[in-house]
């Protein structure tokens, strides 16, 4: 699995778990401490999702930088000048 695929897979698992926790909260079966714990979990899931999103943005930027770098133009200019 590539880094991007791994991040997307983790994001999907977190989304599923977050949905399970929020559905349990909606049923209202927990006492106050259970509700507070669930809120903490949801907040943690949201924080991790933001981190994964940031990593995916960085990964996309790295791919774009890898596809074309400043040295590519230098090499192409040198090749034109050699001919």
C-alpha atoms as a PDB file:
ATOM      1  CA  UNK A   1       0.000   0.000   0.000  1.00  0.00           C
ATOM      2  CA  UNK A   2       1.281   3.449  -0.814  1.00  0.00           C
ATOM      3  CA  UNK A   3       1.378   6.243   1.719  1.00  0.00           C
ATOM      4  CA  UNK A   4      -1.682   7.879   0.152  1.00  0.00           C
ATOM      5  CA  UNK A   5      -3.684   4.631   0.110  1.00  0.00           C
ATOM      6  CA  UNK A   6      -2.767   3.989   3.751  1.00  0.00           C
ATOM      7  CA  UNK A   7      -3.899   7.456   4.798  1.00  0.00           C
ATOM      8  CA  UNK A   8      -7.179   7.096   2.909  1.00  0.00           C
ATOM      9  CA  UNK A   9      -7.764   3.677   4.487  1.00  0.00           C
ATOM     10  CA  UNK A  10      -7.114   5.058   7.984  1.00  0.00           C
ATOM     11  CA  UNK A  11      -9.416   7.971   7.278  1.00  0.00           C
ATOM     12  CA  UNK A  12     -12.195   5.572   6.298  1.00  0.00           C
ATOM     13  CA  UNK A  13     -11.720   3.500   9.451  1.00  0.00           C
ATOM     14  CA  UNK A  14     -11.810   6.612  11.622  1.00  0.00           C
ATOM     15  CA  UNK A  15     -14.963   7.822   9.889  1.00  0.00           C
ATOM     16  CA  UNK A  16     -16.660   4.471  10.538  1.00  0.00           C
ATOM     17  CA  UNK A  17     -15.660   4.476  14.202  1.00  0.00           C
ATOM     18  CA  UNK A  18     -16.765   8.107  14.627  1.00  0.00           C
ATOM     19  CA  UNK A  19     -20.162   7.225  13.151  1.00  0.00           C
ATOM     20  CA  UNK A  20     -20.500   4.301  15.582  1.00  0.00           C
ATOM     21  CA  UNK A  21     -19.730   6.549  18.565  1.00  0.00           C
ATOM     22  CA  UNK A  22     -22.130   9.289  17.457  1.00  0.00           C
ATOM     23  CA  UNK A  23     -24.902   6.734  16.849  1.00  0.00           C
ATOM     24  CA  UNK A  24     -24.363   5.367  20.359  1.00  0.00           C
ATOM     25  CA  UNK A  25     -24.556   8.911  21.727  1.00  0.00           C
ATOM     26  CA  UNK A  26     -27.784   9.517  19.823  1.00  0.00           C
ATOM     27  CA  UNK A  27     -29.380   6.471  21.420  1.00  0.00           C
ATOM     28  CA  UNK A  28     -28.774   8.115  24.803  1.00  0.00           C
ATOM     29  CA  UNK A  29     -27.863   4.982  26.714  1.00  0.00           C
ATOM     30  CA  UNK A  30     -24.848   6.447  28.492  1.00  0.00           C
ATOM     31  CA  UNK A  31     -24.651   8.445  31.687  1.00  0.00           C
ATOM     32  CA  UNK A  32     -22.847  11.784  31.900  1.00  0.00           C
ATOM     33  CA  UNK A  33     -19.362  10.287  32.145  1.00  0.00           C
ATOM     34  CA  UNK A  34     -20.081   8.024  29.157  1.00  0.00           C
ATOM     35  CA  UNK A  35     -21.316  10.992  27.178  1.00  0.00           C
ATOM     36  CA  UNK A  36     -18.202  12.997  28.094  1.00  0.00           C
ATOM     37  CA  UNK A  37     -15.990  10.085  27.059  1.00  0.00           C
ATOM     38  CA  UNK A  38     -17.800   9.787  23.715  1.00  0.00           C
ATOM     39  CA  UNK A  39     -17.441  13.530  23.117  1.00  0.00           C
ATOM     40  CA  UNK A  40     -13.713  13.208  23.761  1.00  0.00           C
ATOM     41  CA  UNK A  41     -13.490  10.351  21.287  1.00  0.00           C
ATOM     42  CA  UNK A  42     -15.327  12.322  18.604  1.00  0.00           C
ATOM     43  CA  UNK A  43     -13.042  15.293  19.181  1.00  0.00           C
ATOM     44  CA  UNK A  44     -10.016  13.012  18.878  1.00  0.00           C
ATOM     45  CA  UNK A  45     -11.353  11.459  15.676  1.00  0.00           C
ATOM     46  CA  UNK A  46     -11.860  14.935  14.212  1.00  0.00           C
ATOM     47  CA  UNK A  47      -8.313  15.956  15.170  1.00  0.00           C
ATOM     48  CA  UNK A  48      -6.837  12.861  13.550  1.00  0.00           C
ATOM     49  CA  UNK A  49      -8.939  13.420  10.411  1.00  0.00           C
ATOM     50  CA  UNK A  50      -7.522  16.950  10.165  1.00  0.00           C
ATOM     51  CA  UNK A  51      -3.976  15.590  10.517  1.00  0.00           C
ATOM     52  CA  UNK A  52      -4.612  13.000   7.808  1.00  0.00           C
ATOM     53  CA  UNK A  53      -6.053  15.700   5.559  1.00  0.00           C
ATOM     54  CA  UNK A  54      -2.944  17.824   6.085  1.00  0.00           C
ATOM     55  CA  UNK A  55      -0.702  14.844   5.291  1.00  0.00           C
ATOM     56  CA  UNK A  56      -2.645  14.153   2.091  1.00  0.00           C
ATOM     57  CA  UNK A  57      -2.195  17.776   1.023  1.00  0.00           C
ATOM     58  CA  UNK A  58       1.551  17.530   1.685  1.00  0.00           C
ATOM     59  CA  UNK A  59       1.675  14.213  -0.193  1.00  0.00           C
ATOM     60  CA  UNK A  60      -0.095  15.778  -3.182  1.00  0.00           C
ATOM     61  CA  UNK A  61       2.330  18.722  -3.123  1.00  0.00           C
ATOM     62  CA  UNK A  62       5.296  16.333  -3.000  1.00  0.00           C
ATOM     63  CA  UNK A  63       3.911  14.447  -6.015  1.00  0.00           C
ATOM     64  CA  UNK A  64       3.515  17.698  -7.939  1.00  0.00           C
ATOM     65  CA  UNK A  65       7.041  18.769  -7.011  1.00  0.00           C
ATOM     66  CA  UNK A  66       8.386  15.360  -8.026  1.00  0.00           C
ATOM     67  CA  UNK A  67       6.707  15.504 -11.423  1.00  0.00           C
ATOM     68  CA  UNK A  68       8.375  18.786 -12.283  1.00  0.00           C
ATOM     69  CA  UNK A  69      11.298  20.322 -10.498  1.00  0.00           C
ATOM     70  CA  UNK A  70      13.443  23.398 -11.225  1.00  0.00           C
ATOM     71  CA  UNK A  71      16.257  21.115 -12.384  1.00  0.00           C
ATOM     72  CA  UNK A  72      14.036  19.826 -15.216  1.00  0.00           C
ATOM     73  CA  UNK A  73      14.122  23.205 -16.910  1.00  0.00           C
ATOM     74  CA  UNK A  74      17.888  23.507 -16.431  1.00  0.00           C
ATOM     75  CA  UNK A  75      18.436  20.096 -18.004  1.00  0.00           C
ATOM     76  CA  UNK A  76      16.161  20.887 -20.943  1.00  0.00           C
ATOM     77  CA  UNK A  77      17.950  24.224 -21.533  1.00  0.00           C
ATOM     78  CA  UNK A  78      21.340  22.510 -21.450  1.00  0.00           C
ATOM     79  CA  UNK A  79      20.179  19.873 -23.926  1.00  0.00           C
ATOM     80  CA  UNK A  80      18.929  22.577 -26.328  1.00  0.00           C
ATOM     81  CA  UNK A  81      22.224  24.452 -26.004  1.00  0.00           C
ATOM     82  CA  UNK A  82      24.304  21.334 -26.713  1.00  0.00           C
ATOM     83  CA  UNK A  83      22.656  20.772 -30.085  1.00  0.00           C
END
